[in-house]
Amino acid sequence: MFTKNQAKLIKSLQEKKNRVELGLFLVEGEKSVSEVLNSDFEIDFLLTTTEFFDKYGEKIREKSNSYEIVNQFELEKVGTFATNDSAIAVVKQKVNKPFEIENDPGQIKSQFDGAGIVLALDEIKDPGNLGTIIRIADWYGIKNIVASKKTVDFYNPKVITATKGSFTRVNIFYTDLKDFLSEQKIPILGAFLDGESVHKTKFPSSGILVMGNESNGVSDEIEKLITKKITIPSYGCAESLNVAIATAVILDNWLRQN
C-alpha cells in the first residue's frame, strides 16, 4: 500500500538539500521511468499505474525491490507533473565519480565507453538548459560532462525531465572546474562572442568544450585556461544564442570534421 511516508519522501525530493541528504532523486513519466528501468541506476521504490505496469511489469519486477500500483490522481498529487498517467520512480543517486583523461593520445576513460570530446559547463544555472545539454550530448555520443560546483544540480527534477531519459547514458562529474582544466594537456575550446568562426575552425580529434553561464558566459578564471576561442557567426540581430542551442551547433561542426 502506498503510504503517507512514501508520499512525504517524494515531496521532499523536490528540494536539493533533501536529495543530497538522502542520496535519492525523482524520475517521472513513461519515457524517463522506462529509461531508468533499462539502465544501471538502482530504483529504491516505484509507483506505477495499472497501464504502465501492464507494459513494463516484467522489467519492474526485475529492477525494483518495492513498487505499488496507484492511480493517476495519486501520481499527480505527489509528483511535479501536472499530468502523469504512468509512473514515478525514487532512484538512488550515483557517486560523484571523476573520470580520467589520457592526455596522450587524448582518449577519455570512465565507467562508460569513452568519447573524444568532453563537455565542461561553467555555472549553467537553468535546469532546462542543463537537461537539454545532456540530451544533446547523448545525441552526439558525448559520454562525459564535467560541471562546476555552481552548475545546477543534475538530480533536479526539471533537469531529469528535460533530458528525456538521456541522463541514464551521460556521466556528469561536479568539481572545481579551474583545477580540473588546469590538469589537462589536450585542447580546451571555449564558446565566446569574439572567437574564431566554427565554420573555419580546425577542430582537434579530441578535446574539451567549455560552455559558459547563460548571462555572463565563460568566467574570467576559466577563460585563462582556454587554448582556442570559438564562436558561432551571427547573420541577424539577436544578441546571443541559448547555451544549449549553441552547444548543439558547436558539437555538430566539431563532429562533422571527425
Protein backbone atom coordinates (compact mmCIF):
# COMPACT_ATOMS: atom_id res chain seq x y z
CA MET A 1 0.00 0.00 0.00
CA PHE A 2 1.20 3.49 -0.91
CA THR A 3 1.94 5.17 2.42
CA LYS A 4 1.99 8.72 3.72
CA ASN A 5 5.73 8.36 4.41
CA GLN A 6 6.36 7.49 0.77
CA ALA A 7 4.30 10.48 -0.32
CA LYS A 8 6.23 12.70 2.06
CA LEU A 9 9.54 11.37 0.74
CA ILE A 10 8.58 12.06 -2.88
CA LYS A 11 7.56 15.60 -1.99
CA SER A 12 10.81 16.17 -0.07
CA LEU A 13 12.96 15.15 -3.04
CA GLN A 14 11.82 18.22 -4.92
CA GLU A 15 14.33 20.14 -2.75
CA LYS A 16 18.07 19.84 -3.28
CA LYS A 17 19.01 19.63 0.40
CA ASN A 18 16.85 16.55 0.83
CA ARG A 19 18.20 14.93 -2.35
CA VAL A 20 21.74 15.49 -1.09
CA GLU A 21 20.97 14.20 2.40
CA LEU A 22 19.13 11.08 1.23
CA GLY A 23 21.08 10.35 -1.95
CA LEU A 24 17.82 9.89 -3.86
CA PHE A 25 16.07 11.65 -6.74
CA LEU A 26 12.80 11.56 -8.68
CA VAL A 27 12.13 10.27 -12.16
CA GLU A 28 8.66 10.86 -13.58
CA GLY A 29 6.68 9.95 -16.68
CA GLU A 30 6.68 6.97 -19.02
CA LYS A 31 9.71 7.93 -21.12
CA SER A 32 12.11 8.67 -18.27
CA VAL A 33 10.99 5.86 -15.96
CA SER A 34 11.19 3.32 -18.80
CA GLU A 35 14.76 4.52 -19.47
CA VAL A 36 15.66 4.03 -15.79
CA LEU A 37 14.26 0.51 -15.91
CA ASN A 38 16.74 -0.25 -18.70
CA SER A 39 19.72 1.48 -17.06
CA ASP A 40 22.24 0.71 -14.34
CA PHE A 41 20.56 3.11 -11.90
CA GLU A 42 19.18 1.43 -8.78
CA ILE A 43 15.50 2.04 -8.04
CA ASP A 44 14.52 2.48 -4.38
CA PHE A 45 10.79 2.21 -4.99
CA LEU A 46 8.32 2.85 -7.77
CA LEU A 47 4.72 3.98 -8.13
CA THR A 48 3.01 2.75 -11.27
CA THR A 49 -0.41 2.90 -12.83
CA THR A 50 -2.00 -0.34 -13.98
CA GLU A 51 -1.42 0.67 -17.60
CA PHE A 52 2.30 1.29 -17.08
CA PHE A 53 2.65 -1.96 -15.13
CA ASP A 54 0.91 -3.92 -17.88
CA LYS A 55 3.51 -2.57 -20.31
CA TYR A 56 6.66 -2.78 -18.17
CA GLY A 57 5.73 -5.21 -15.38
CA GLU A 58 8.45 -7.75 -16.12
CA LYS A 59 11.14 -5.09 -16.00
CA ILE A 60 9.63 -3.50 -12.88
CA ARG A 61 9.77 -6.83 -11.01
CA GLU A 62 13.37 -7.25 -12.13
CA LYS A 63 14.62 -3.76 -11.24
CA SER A 64 12.56 -2.60 -8.26
CA ASN A 65 12.53 -4.16 -4.82
CA SER A 66 9.40 -2.23 -3.95
CA TYR A 67 6.56 -1.00 -6.13
CA GLU A 68 2.93 -0.01 -5.68
CA ILE A 69 0.13 0.24 -8.21
CA VAL A 70 -1.63 3.58 -7.85
CA ASN A 71 -3.97 5.74 -9.90
CA GLN A 72 -3.21 8.83 -11.97
CA PHE A 73 -4.61 11.18 -9.31
CA GLU A 74 -2.20 9.81 -6.69
CA LEU A 75 0.77 10.27 -9.03
CA GLU A 76 -0.14 13.84 -9.84
CA LYS A 77 -0.80 14.67 -6.18
CA VAL A 78 2.73 13.80 -5.03
CA GLY A 79 4.82 14.45 -8.16
CA THR A 80 5.85 17.55 -10.08
CA PHE A 81 3.96 16.76 -13.31
CA ALA A 82 0.57 18.37 -13.91
CA THR A 83 -0.33 15.23 -15.89
CA ASN A 84 1.19 11.82 -15.21
CA ASP A 85 -0.64 8.63 -16.13
CA SER A 86 2.43 6.37 -15.97
CA ALA A 87 4.88 6.22 -13.07
CA ILE A 88 7.15 7.87 -10.52
CA ALA A 89 10.43 6.23 -9.51
CA VAL A 90 12.53 7.11 -6.48
CA VAL A 91 16.07 6.35 -7.62
CA LYS A 92 19.44 6.17 -5.89
CA GLN A 93 21.99 8.76 -6.94
CA LYS A 94 25.35 7.64 -8.27
CA VAL A 95 28.60 8.56 -6.59
CA ASN A 96 30.09 11.82 -7.93
CA LYS A 97 32.85 9.86 -9.60
CA PRO A 98 35.65 11.55 -11.60
CA PHE A 99 36.74 10.33 -14.97
CA GLU A 100 40.29 10.47 -16.22
CA ILE A 101 41.57 11.93 -19.45
CA GLU A 102 44.64 10.37 -21.01
CA ASN A 103 46.36 13.46 -22.36
CA ASP A 104 48.27 11.37 -24.84
CA PRO A 105 46.60 10.49 -27.19
CA GLY A 106 43.59 12.19 -25.57
CA GLN A 107 41.22 9.32 -25.00
CA ILE A 108 38.65 9.65 -22.23
CA LYS A 109 38.26 6.87 -19.70
CA SER A 110 35.30 6.35 -17.40
CA GLN A 111 32.82 3.72 -16.33
CA PHE A 112 31.16 4.48 -19.68
CA ASP A 113 32.56 3.90 -23.16
CA GLY A 114 34.96 6.74 -24.00
CA ALA A 115 34.38 9.51 -26.48
CA GLY A 116 36.84 12.02 -27.90
CA ILE A 117 35.07 15.13 -26.58
CA VAL A 118 34.31 16.18 -23.02
CA LEU A 119 31.83 18.95 -22.27
CA ALA A 120 32.74 21.37 -19.46
CA LEU A 121 29.97 23.54 -18.00
CA ASP A 122 30.88 26.78 -16.26
CA GLU A 123 27.99 27.74 -13.92
CA ILE A 124 25.00 26.70 -16.04
CA LYS A 125 22.07 27.80 -13.89
CA ASP A 126 18.86 26.88 -15.70
CA PRO A 127 17.63 23.29 -15.14
CA GLY A 128 16.05 23.19 -18.59
CA ASN A 129 19.33 24.21 -20.19
CA LEU A 130 21.33 21.56 -18.33
CA GLY A 131 18.79 18.87 -19.16
CA THR A 132 18.80 19.85 -22.83
CA ILE A 133 22.62 19.91 -22.92
CA ILE A 134 22.67 16.37 -21.50
CA ARG A 135 20.18 15.29 -24.16
CA ILE A 136 22.31 16.95 -26.86
CA ALA A 137 25.44 15.24 -25.51
CA ASP A 138 23.66 11.90 -25.74
CA TRP A 139 22.59 12.66 -29.32
CA TYR A 140 26.17 13.36 -30.37
CA GLY A 141 27.64 10.43 -28.44
CA ILE A 142 29.32 12.57 -25.77
CA LYS A 143 29.59 10.39 -22.68
CA ASN A 144 31.28 12.74 -20.19
CA ILE A 145 30.39 16.15 -18.78
CA VAL A 146 32.38 17.95 -16.12
CA ALA A 147 30.48 20.70 -14.30
CA SER A 148 31.50 23.49 -11.97
CA LYS A 149 30.22 23.22 -8.43
CA LYS A 150 27.87 26.17 -9.07
CA THR A 151 26.19 24.46 -12.02
CA VAL A 152 22.58 23.47 -11.33
CA ASP A 153 22.06 20.07 -9.68
CA PHE A 154 21.99 17.16 -12.14
CA TYR A 155 19.29 15.49 -10.00
CA ASN A 156 16.92 18.46 -10.07
CA PRO A 157 13.54 17.06 -11.31
CA LYS A 158 13.41 19.68 -14.07
CA VAL A 159 16.87 18.62 -15.29
CA ILE A 160 15.92 14.94 -15.29
CA THR A 161 12.69 15.65 -17.18
CA ALA A 162 14.42 17.82 -19.80
CA THR A 163 16.94 15.06 -20.60
CA LYS A 164 14.14 12.81 -21.91
CA GLY A 165 15.96 9.81 -20.47
CA SER A 166 19.44 10.77 -21.67
CA PHE A 167 20.61 11.20 -18.07
CA THR A 168 20.95 7.40 -17.94
CA ARG A 169 23.66 7.43 -20.62
CA VAL A 170 25.73 10.54 -19.85
CA ASN A 171 28.22 10.73 -16.98
CA ILE A 172 28.41 14.07 -15.15
CA PHE A 173 31.07 14.98 -12.59
CA TYR A 174 30.91 18.06 -10.35
CA THR A 175 34.25 19.52 -9.32
CA ASP A 176 36.36 22.67 -9.15
CA LEU A 177 36.41 23.38 -12.88
CA LYS A 178 39.52 25.53 -12.73
CA ASP A 179 41.53 22.78 -11.04
CA PHE A 180 40.21 20.15 -13.44
CA LEU A 181 41.06 22.13 -16.57
CA SER A 182 44.45 23.14 -15.21
CA GLU A 183 45.47 19.48 -15.12
CA GLN A 184 44.63 18.82 -18.78
CA LYS A 185 47.05 18.92 -21.70
CA ILE A 186 44.60 18.31 -24.55
CA PRO A 187 42.97 21.27 -26.37
CA ILE A 188 40.43 23.26 -24.39
CA LEU A 189 37.98 25.12 -26.61
CA GLY A 190 35.60 27.74 -25.26
CA ALA A 191 32.49 29.41 -26.66
CA PHE A 192 32.86 33.21 -26.87
CA LEU A 193 31.28 36.01 -28.88
CA ASP A 194 34.69 37.08 -30.22
CA GLY A 195 36.20 33.71 -31.09
CA GLU A 196 37.11 32.09 -34.40
CA SER A 197 34.13 31.04 -36.51
CA VAL A 198 33.17 27.39 -36.05
CA HIS A 199 32.87 27.28 -39.86
CA LYS A 200 36.60 27.98 -40.19
CA THR A 201 37.95 26.25 -37.08
CA LYS A 202 40.06 23.14 -37.49
CA PHE A 203 38.78 21.06 -34.60
CA PRO A 204 41.05 18.54 -32.85
CA SER A 205 40.15 14.84 -32.84
CA SER A 206 39.68 15.05 -29.07
CA GLY A 207 39.39 17.90 -26.60
CA ILE A 208 37.27 19.74 -24.08
CA LEU A 209 34.46 22.16 -24.97
CA VAL A 210 33.70 24.79 -22.32
CA MET A 211 30.22 26.37 -22.32
CA GLY A 212 29.64 29.34 -20.06
CA ASN A 213 26.92 30.80 -17.88
CA GLU A 214 23.69 31.92 -19.58
CA SER A 215 24.18 35.59 -18.61
CA ASN A 216 27.92 36.03 -18.22
CA GLY A 217 29.47 33.44 -20.48
CA VAL A 218 32.75 31.75 -19.55
CA SER A 219 34.16 33.17 -16.31
CA ASP A 220 37.43 35.13 -16.27
CA GLU A 221 39.33 32.43 -14.34
CA ILE A 222 38.27 29.74 -16.79
CA GLU A 223 38.93 31.97 -19.83
CA LYS A 224 42.63 31.99 -18.93
CA LEU A 225 42.73 28.22 -19.44
CA ILE A 226 41.11 28.22 -22.88
CA THR A 227 43.50 27.26 -25.70
CA LYS A 228 41.15 28.29 -28.53
CA LYS A 229 38.16 30.63 -28.51
CA ILE A 230 35.42 29.79 -30.96
CA THR A 231 32.13 31.41 -31.91
CA ILE A 232 29.00 30.77 -33.94
CA PRO A 233 28.80 33.53 -36.55
CA SER A 234 25.64 35.63 -36.47
CA TYR A 235 23.72 36.62 -39.60
CA GLY A 236 20.97 38.53 -37.82
CA CYS A 237 20.45 40.86 -34.90
CA ALA A 238 20.00 38.54 -31.88
CA GLU A 239 22.38 39.38 -29.05
CA SER A 240 23.25 35.76 -28.31
CA LEU A 241 22.17 32.12 -28.59
CA ASN A 242 20.69 29.94 -25.88
CA VAL A 243 23.56 27.94 -24.34
CA ALA A 244 22.01 24.56 -25.15
CA ILE A 245 21.42 25.51 -28.79
CA ALA A 246 24.96 26.86 -29.01
CA THR A 247 26.29 23.58 -27.62
CA ALA A 248 24.47 21.64 -30.33
CA VAL A 249 25.73 23.89 -33.14
CA ILE A 250 29.35 23.67 -31.98
CA LEU A 251 29.25 19.90 -31.49
CA ASP A 252 27.72 19.45 -34.92
CA ASN A 253 30.52 21.45 -36.53
CA TRP A 254 33.16 19.65 -34.47
CA LEU A 255 31.94 16.14 -35.18
CA ARG A 256 31.43 16.85 -38.85
CA GLN A 257 35.23 17.04 -39.14
CA ASN A 258 35.97 13.86 -37.20
